[in-house]
Amino acid sequence: MDEGTLKPGWKRWRFDEMAVSVGDRIHPDDAEVEHYVGLEHLDSDSLKIRQWGSPSEVNATKLRFKKGDIIFGRRRVYQRKLAVADFDGICSAHAMVLRPKTDVVLPEFLPFFMQSDLFMNRALEISVGSLSPTINWKTLARQTFALPPLEEQRKFVHALSTVEKLLESFFLLNRKGLIVESAYIEKALDNFTSASRRKLEDLADVSYGLTVNRKRRKAPKKAPYLRVANVQRGDFDFSEVKEIGLLEGDESYVLEKDDILIVEGHANPEELGRAAIWKEEINRCLHQNHLIRVRCGKELDSDFIAEYMNSTLGRKHFLSHAKSTSGLNTINSKVVRKVPIPNVPIEKQREIVMRIKS
């Protein structure tokens, strides 16, 4: 499209005329902020940041962002990860921190524009690399896009904000659905009193994962491993799976089908103890020591235990035993071992799981 085909008032701009890339790098120890946002914390096709980690969980240099900045996942653009910060913090260096140039584009309009297929398809086209295609700023900066005048942008923002609020309503509705699911689990267990409960350690093997240290960083043999960021509540996020060096004896940390992974610590107490069940999505995968692994015995159904851990009952147990230091809420393997498990026959456990899934 050339200038003659543009709508009246529209103009073509280079992207670096629309936004500036903020390259303020800082070590997490020096950041003096409470929030770390990795790509794993961003939801696809959503402008809201609903989860985050603590700067204490990361050690490499990160990018500083301010409230109102756009965090754009420049790695694996096809995942369409883009959000507007509503707090100050640091983020992954696999993201770009963008700040709108307000004489060209409204700060409220630019995130919607970047969510469009027009922008995302272009971003994908200019990505380089086969395994983890990534955009560099210099290439993105010289891309040109047609924009409407500011007054017309305001009209678009009004309409698109309405849609965004509707999508957020759907998200909250889904969250309420999870609450209903949790309530169903509690109801299903009403007939099993506290007197008929057993400790998890009597029915399952509970253990930590491997520790990330200098020896493993230098080891030549590598394997994929899961971190806290990969384990969501009832699911996994594989947007960034790192590798770790293997030492003698590390084979014992390889995950097996139906293992349950539980998050040991999180800045947000609501995310503490979140659990997901492993279905061998990645071959020969290990897990780090900030994830607690539960391997159920023959009297337990793994799906049932995972649902129970994520229910209000399981979360109450973790919260009541959590400790908080330096803004991080934590539990330990002893707390997991002492989780009181209702003495439900395994056939009943599977029946409950089937009803939840239906």
Protein backbone atom coordinates (compact mmCIF):
# COMPACT_ATOMS: atom_id res chain seq x y z
CA MET A 1 0.00 0.00 0.00
CA ASP A 2 1.47 3.42 -0.98
CA GLU A 3 0.63 6.86 0.45
CA GLY A 4 -2.00 7.44 -2.26
CA THR A 5 -4.13 4.51 -1.06
CA LEU A 6 -4.30 5.53 2.59
CA LYS A 7 -7.57 6.71 4.08
CA PRO A 8 -7.89 10.46 4.65
CA GLY A 9 -5.92 11.54 7.69
CA TRP A 10 -4.03 8.25 7.93
CA LYS A 11 -0.24 8.25 7.76
CA ARG A 12 2.49 5.65 7.52
CA TRP A 13 5.04 5.57 10.34
CA ARG A 14 8.17 3.61 11.13
CA PHE A 15 7.70 1.62 14.31
CA ASP A 16 10.48 3.54 16.07
CA GLU A 17 8.41 6.67 15.41
CA MET A 18 5.50 5.00 17.20
CA ALA A 19 7.35 3.64 20.24
CA VAL A 20 10.72 3.59 21.96
CA SER A 21 12.39 0.39 23.13
CA VAL A 22 13.38 0.80 26.78
CA GLY A 23 16.70 -0.96 27.33
CA ASP A 24 17.16 -0.26 31.04
CA ARG A 25 18.89 -3.45 32.19
CA ILE A 26 19.42 -4.27 35.84
CA HIS A 27 20.34 -7.22 38.05
CA PRO A 28 17.35 -8.51 40.08
CA ASP A 29 19.25 -7.97 43.36
CA ASP A 30 19.52 -4.26 42.59
CA ALA A 31 16.06 -3.70 41.12
CA GLU A 32 14.24 -2.79 44.38
CA VAL A 33 10.90 -3.95 42.95
CA GLU A 34 8.51 -6.69 44.02
CA HIS A 35 7.47 -8.13 40.64
CA TYR A 36 9.26 -10.18 38.01
CA VAL A 37 7.36 -10.91 34.77
CA GLY A 38 8.65 -13.71 32.57
CA LEU A 39 7.13 -14.82 29.27
CA GLU A 40 5.58 -17.70 31.17
CA HIS A 41 3.56 -15.18 33.21
CA LEU A 42 1.91 -13.64 30.13
CA ASP A 43 -1.34 -15.05 28.75
CA SER A 44 -1.71 -15.30 24.99
CA ASP A 45 -4.04 -12.68 23.46
CA SER A 46 -4.55 -10.88 26.77
CA LEU A 47 -3.33 -7.40 27.71
CA LYS A 48 -3.59 -8.06 31.45
CA ILE A 49 -0.79 -9.37 33.68
CA ARG A 50 -2.51 -11.79 36.03
CA GLN A 51 0.53 -13.56 37.47
CA TRP A 52 4.16 -12.83 38.22
CA GLY A 53 7.16 -14.07 40.11
CA SER A 54 9.63 -12.58 42.56
CA PRO A 55 12.96 -11.03 41.54
CA SER A 56 14.57 -13.40 44.05
CA GLU A 57 13.64 -16.32 41.77
CA VAL A 58 15.91 -15.12 38.94
CA ASN A 59 19.58 -14.16 38.79
CA ALA A 60 20.45 -12.95 35.28
CA THR A 61 20.19 -9.34 34.11
CA LYS A 62 16.60 -8.29 33.36
CA LEU A 63 14.77 -5.33 31.82
CA ARG A 64 13.20 -2.70 34.03
CA PHE A 65 9.68 -1.54 33.16
CA LYS A 66 7.35 1.14 34.51
CA LYS A 67 3.61 1.22 34.99
CA GLY A 68 1.99 1.79 31.59
CA ASP A 69 4.82 0.23 29.57
CA ILE A 70 4.08 -2.53 27.08
CA ILE A 71 5.79 -5.88 27.66
CA PHE A 72 6.04 -7.68 24.31
CA GLY A 73 7.31 -11.27 24.05
CA ARG A 74 9.81 -10.97 21.21
CA ARG A 75 10.68 -14.66 21.46
CA ARG A 76 8.23 -17.13 19.84
CA VAL A 77 5.96 -14.32 18.63
CA TYR A 78 3.39 -16.88 17.44
CA GLN A 79 2.38 -17.24 21.10
CA ARG A 80 1.04 -13.66 20.90
CA LYS A 81 2.19 -12.60 24.36
CA LEU A 82 1.73 -8.91 24.98
CA ALA A 83 0.59 -7.02 28.08
CA VAL A 84 0.37 -3.56 29.61
CA ALA A 85 2.04 -3.20 33.01
CA ASP A 86 -0.07 -1.80 35.83
CA PHE A 87 2.90 -1.79 38.22
CA ASP A 88 6.67 -1.23 38.14
CA GLY A 89 8.92 -4.28 37.88
CA ILE A 90 11.49 -6.24 35.90
CA CYS A 91 10.88 -8.63 33.03
CA SER A 92 12.59 -11.29 30.95
CA ALA A 93 15.24 -10.18 28.46
CA HIS A 94 13.28 -12.30 25.96
CA ALA A 95 10.72 -9.48 25.98
CA MET A 96 10.80 -5.92 24.73
CA VAL A 97 9.73 -3.04 26.95
CA LEU A 98 8.00 -0.50 24.71
CA ARG A 99 6.87 3.01 25.55
CA PRO A 100 4.46 4.78 23.12
CA LYS A 101 5.41 8.11 21.51
CA THR A 102 2.26 10.03 22.33
CA ASP A 103 2.52 12.55 19.50
CA VAL A 104 1.97 9.67 17.03
CA VAL A 105 -0.04 7.04 18.87
CA LEU A 106 -2.25 6.97 21.96
CA PRO A 107 -0.81 4.85 24.79
CA GLU A 108 -4.18 3.08 25.01
CA PHE A 109 -4.28 2.37 21.26
CA LEU A 110 -0.81 0.93 20.65
CA PRO A 111 -1.36 -2.33 22.63
CA PHE A 112 -4.54 -3.04 20.64
CA PHE A 113 -2.72 -2.32 17.38
CA MET A 114 0.10 -4.70 18.37
CA GLN A 115 -2.46 -7.42 19.12
CA SER A 116 -3.75 -7.22 15.54
CA ASP A 117 -2.98 -9.88 12.93
CA LEU A 118 -1.39 -7.15 10.82
CA PHE A 119 1.29 -6.48 13.42
CA MET A 120 1.71 -10.05 14.68
CA ASN A 121 2.09 -11.50 11.17
CA ARG A 122 4.74 -8.91 10.37
CA ALA A 123 6.52 -9.64 13.64
CA LEU A 124 6.53 -13.34 12.80
CA GLU A 125 7.92 -12.65 9.33
CA ILE A 126 10.92 -10.74 10.69
CA SER A 127 11.71 -13.22 13.48
CA VAL A 128 15.04 -15.03 13.12
CA GLY A 129 16.08 -18.47 14.36
CA SER A 130 14.52 -21.90 13.94
CA LEU A 131 14.11 -23.33 17.44
CA SER A 132 13.15 -20.11 19.23
CA PRO A 133 12.45 -17.46 16.56
CA THR A 134 13.16 -14.01 18.00
CA ILE A 135 12.73 -10.40 16.90
CA ASN A 136 15.49 -7.84 17.29
CA TRP A 137 14.66 -4.18 17.86
CA LYS A 138 16.61 -2.81 14.90
CA THR A 139 14.57 -4.89 12.47
CA LEU A 140 11.25 -4.06 14.12
CA ALA A 141 12.16 -0.36 14.36
CA ARG A 142 12.32 0.09 10.59
CA GLN A 143 9.00 -1.63 9.83
CA THR A 144 6.31 0.78 8.64
CA PHE A 145 2.63 0.74 9.53
CA ALA A 146 -0.33 2.94 8.63
CA LEU A 147 -2.08 4.59 11.59
CA PRO A 148 -5.25 6.69 11.83
CA PRO A 149 -5.10 10.20 13.34
CA LEU A 150 -5.26 10.50 17.14
CA GLU A 151 -8.95 11.42 17.21
CA GLU A 152 -9.85 8.31 15.24
CA GLN A 153 -7.59 6.22 17.48
CA ARG A 154 -9.69 7.39 20.44
CA LYS A 155 -12.81 5.98 18.77
CA PHE A 156 -11.07 2.64 18.20
CA VAL A 157 -9.92 2.57 21.83
CA HIS A 158 -13.48 3.07 23.06
CA ALA A 159 -14.78 0.13 21.01
CA LEU A 160 -11.82 -2.17 21.67
CA SER A 161 -11.84 -1.44 25.41
CA THR A 162 -15.44 -2.59 25.52
CA VAL A 163 -14.44 -5.88 23.88
CA GLU A 164 -11.50 -6.21 26.27
CA LYS A 165 -13.81 -5.81 29.26
CA LEU A 166 -16.07 -8.51 27.83
CA LEU A 167 -13.13 -10.88 27.45
CA GLU A 168 -12.08 -10.17 31.02
CA SER A 169 -15.62 -11.03 32.12
CA PHE A 170 -15.30 -14.40 30.37
CA PHE A 171 -11.99 -14.97 32.16
CA LEU A 172 -13.56 -14.20 35.55
CA LEU A 173 -16.49 -16.46 34.70
CA ASN A 174 -14.06 -19.29 33.97
CA ARG A 175 -12.36 -18.64 37.30
CA LYS A 176 -15.73 -18.90 39.03
CA GLY A 177 -16.22 -22.20 37.23
CA LEU A 178 -13.07 -23.43 38.88
CA ILE A 179 -14.49 -22.34 42.24
CA VAL A 180 -17.62 -24.39 41.51
CA GLU A 181 -15.39 -27.35 40.65
CA SER A 182 -13.58 -26.95 43.96
CA ALA A 183 -16.90 -26.74 45.80
CA TYR A 184 -18.00 -29.96 44.12
CA ILE A 185 -14.90 -31.72 45.43
CA GLU A 186 -15.68 -30.53 48.96
CA LYS A 187 -19.27 -31.67 48.62
CA ALA A 188 -18.20 -35.06 47.29
CA LEU A 189 -15.98 -35.53 50.34
CA ASP A 190 -18.60 -34.52 52.90
CA ASN A 191 -19.24 -38.13 53.86
CA PHE A 192 -15.60 -38.70 54.73
CA THR A 193 -14.95 -37.17 58.13
CA SER A 194 -11.64 -35.92 59.44
CA ALA A 195 -11.40 -39.05 61.57
CA SER A 196 -11.05 -41.13 58.39
CA ARG A 197 -8.07 -39.31 56.91
CA ARG A 198 -4.52 -40.43 56.34
CA LYS A 199 -1.32 -38.49 55.76
CA LEU A 200 -0.11 -38.26 52.17
CA GLU A 201 3.29 -39.65 53.16
CA ASP A 202 1.60 -42.97 54.06
CA LEU A 203 0.17 -43.29 50.55
CA ALA A 204 2.71 -41.66 48.24
CA ASP A 205 6.38 -40.84 47.78
CA VAL A 206 7.17 -37.14 48.25
CA SER A 207 10.48 -35.63 47.19
CA TYR A 208 12.28 -32.50 46.01
CA GLY A 209 13.85 -32.00 42.59
CA LEU A 210 17.44 -31.23 41.68
CA THR A 211 19.35 -28.12 42.69
CA VAL A 212 20.64 -25.77 40.01
CA ASN A 213 24.33 -25.25 40.76
CA ARG A 214 27.66 -24.48 39.10
CA LYS A 215 28.54 -28.15 38.49
CA ARG A 216 25.30 -28.75 36.61
CA ARG A 217 25.73 -25.57 34.58
CA LYS A 218 29.10 -26.87 33.35
CA ALA A 219 28.05 -30.49 32.77
CA PRO A 220 28.20 -31.39 29.04
CA LYS A 221 25.17 -33.68 29.03
CA LYS A 222 21.92 -31.69 29.11
CA ALA A 223 18.24 -32.48 29.64
CA PRO A 224 15.02 -30.43 29.88
CA TYR A 225 13.79 -29.57 33.35
CA LEU A 226 10.74 -27.86 34.81
CA ARG A 227 10.80 -24.73 36.97
CA VAL A 228 8.13 -23.04 39.08
CA ALA A 229 7.09 -20.95 36.08
CA ASN A 230 6.25 -24.09 34.10
CA VAL A 231 3.79 -25.45 36.67
CA GLN A 232 0.40 -23.75 36.63
CA ARG A 233 -2.71 -24.74 38.57
CA GLY A 234 -3.88 -27.89 36.82
CA ASP A 235 -1.72 -27.34 33.73
CA PHE A 236 1.78 -26.68 32.40
CA ASP A 237 3.25 -23.72 30.54
CA PHE A 238 5.86 -24.91 28.05
CA SER A 239 6.55 -21.50 26.48
CA GLU A 240 10.07 -21.61 27.92
CA VAL A 241 11.53 -24.95 28.99
CA LYS A 242 15.17 -24.69 29.97
CA GLU A 243 17.87 -27.36 30.00
CA ILE A 244 20.20 -28.33 32.81
CA GLY A 245 23.43 -30.29 32.98
CA LEU A 246 23.21 -33.85 34.28
CA LEU A 247 25.40 -35.30 37.02
CA GLU A 248 25.75 -38.87 38.21
CA GLY A 249 22.58 -39.93 40.05
CA ASP A 250 20.31 -37.35 38.42
CA GLU A 251 18.32 -40.09 36.69
CA SER A 252 16.26 -40.36 39.89
CA TYR A 253 14.78 -36.92 39.13
CA VAL A 254 13.31 -37.96 35.77
CA LEU A 255 9.55 -37.52 35.89
CA GLU A 256 7.21 -40.45 35.39
CA LYS A 257 3.69 -40.40 34.01
CA ASP A 258 1.10 -39.29 36.60
CA ASP A 259 3.66 -37.66 38.89
CA ILE A 260 2.22 -34.55 40.55
CA LEU A 261 4.34 -31.40 40.81
CA ILE A 262 3.58 -28.84 43.53
CA VAL A 263 4.94 -25.29 43.68
CA GLU A 264 6.97 -24.76 46.85
CA GLY A 265 7.03 -20.95 46.90
CA HIS A 266 5.38 -17.94 45.28
CA ALA A 267 5.10 -14.20 45.86
CA ASN A 268 1.33 -14.49 45.47
CA PRO A 269 -0.10 -16.62 48.31
CA GLU A 270 -3.01 -17.64 46.06
CA GLU A 271 -0.52 -19.43 43.78
CA LEU A 272 1.26 -21.24 46.60
CA GLY A 273 0.97 -25.04 46.36
CA ARG A 274 -0.55 -25.02 42.89
CA ALA A 275 -0.29 -28.47 41.36
CA ALA A 276 -0.31 -30.13 37.96
CA ILE A 277 -0.16 -33.76 36.88
CA TRP A 278 2.56 -34.88 34.51
CA LYS A 279 1.47 -36.78 31.39
CA GLU A 280 4.92 -37.18 29.80
CA GLU A 281 4.50 -34.14 27.54
CA ILE A 282 8.31 -33.97 27.24
CA ASN A 283 10.56 -37.00 26.98
CA ARG A 284 12.95 -37.59 29.90
CA CYS A 285 12.17 -34.37 31.72
CA LEU A 286 13.44 -33.48 35.21
CA HIS A 287 12.33 -30.93 37.81
CA GLN A 288 14.07 -28.41 40.05
CA ASN A 289 14.15 -28.34 43.84
CA HIS A 290 11.52 -25.59 44.11
CA LEU A 291 8.98 -28.11 42.87
CA ILE A 292 7.85 -30.91 45.16
CA ARG A 293 7.06 -34.19 43.40
CA VAL A 294 4.33 -36.56 44.59
CA ARG A 295 4.31 -40.11 43.20
CA CYS A 296 1.11 -41.85 44.25
CA GLY A 297 0.87 -45.41 45.50
CA LYS A 298 -1.73 -47.97 44.42
CA GLU A 299 -4.39 -46.61 46.82
CA LEU A 300 -4.44 -43.16 45.20
CA ASP A 301 -5.59 -41.84 41.84
CA SER A 302 -3.14 -39.15 40.72
CA ASP A 303 -5.81 -37.07 38.98
CA PHE A 304 -7.88 -37.08 42.16
CA ILE A 305 -4.94 -35.97 44.31
CA ALA A 306 -4.04 -33.19 41.88
CA GLU A 307 -7.64 -31.95 41.91
CA TYR A 308 -7.69 -32.20 45.70
CA MET A 309 -4.45 -30.21 46.04
CA ASN A 310 -5.87 -27.44 43.84
CA SER A 311 -9.22 -27.38 45.62
CA THR A 312 -10.11 -25.09 48.52
CA LEU A 313 -9.34 -27.94 50.91
CA GLY A 314 -5.80 -28.41 49.65
CA ARG A 315 -5.11 -24.68 49.40
CA LYS A 316 -6.30 -24.10 52.97
CA HIS A 317 -3.79 -26.65 54.21
CA PHE A 318 -0.90 -25.02 52.34
CA LEU A 319 -1.83 -21.48 53.37
CA SER A 320 -2.21 -22.46 57.02
CA HIS A 321 1.33 -23.90 57.05
CA ALA A 322 3.03 -21.34 54.80
CA LYS A 323 5.91 -19.15 55.90
CA SER A 324 6.63 -15.73 54.46
CA THR A 325 10.12 -14.24 54.12
CA SER A 326 11.32 -11.43 51.84
CA GLY A 327 7.95 -11.26 50.14
CA LEU A 328 7.97 -14.98 49.21
CA ASN A 329 5.41 -17.41 50.63
CA THR A 330 6.75 -20.94 50.99
CA ILE A 331 5.89 -24.46 52.09
CA ASN A 332 8.21 -27.46 52.33
CA SER A 333 8.09 -31.18 51.67
CA LYS A 334 7.08 -31.84 55.30
CA VAL A 335 3.94 -29.75 54.80
CA VAL A 336 3.12 -31.74 51.66
CA ARG A 337 3.78 -35.06 53.40
CA LYS A 338 1.33 -34.12 56.16
CA VAL A 339 -1.53 -33.24 53.78
CA PRO A 340 -4.59 -35.05 55.21
CA ILE A 341 -6.04 -37.27 52.49
CA PRO A 342 -9.68 -38.40 52.79
CA ASN A 343 -9.92 -42.16 53.06
CA VAL A 344 -11.84 -42.49 49.79
CA PRO A 345 -11.79 -45.82 47.93
CA ILE A 346 -9.89 -45.50 44.66
CA GLU A 347 -13.03 -46.35 42.67
CA LYS A 348 -14.79 -43.39 44.30
CA GLN A 349 -11.75 -41.18 43.59
CA ARG A 350 -11.96 -42.04 39.87
CA GLU A 351 -15.71 -41.44 39.85
CA ILE A 352 -15.20 -37.95 41.31
CA VAL A 353 -12.53 -37.18 38.68
CA MET A 354 -14.81 -38.34 35.87
CA ARG A 355 -17.60 -36.05 37.06
CA ILE A 356 -15.23 -33.08 37.32
CA LYS A 357 -13.94 -33.65 33.80
CA SER A 358 -17.45 -33.99 32.43
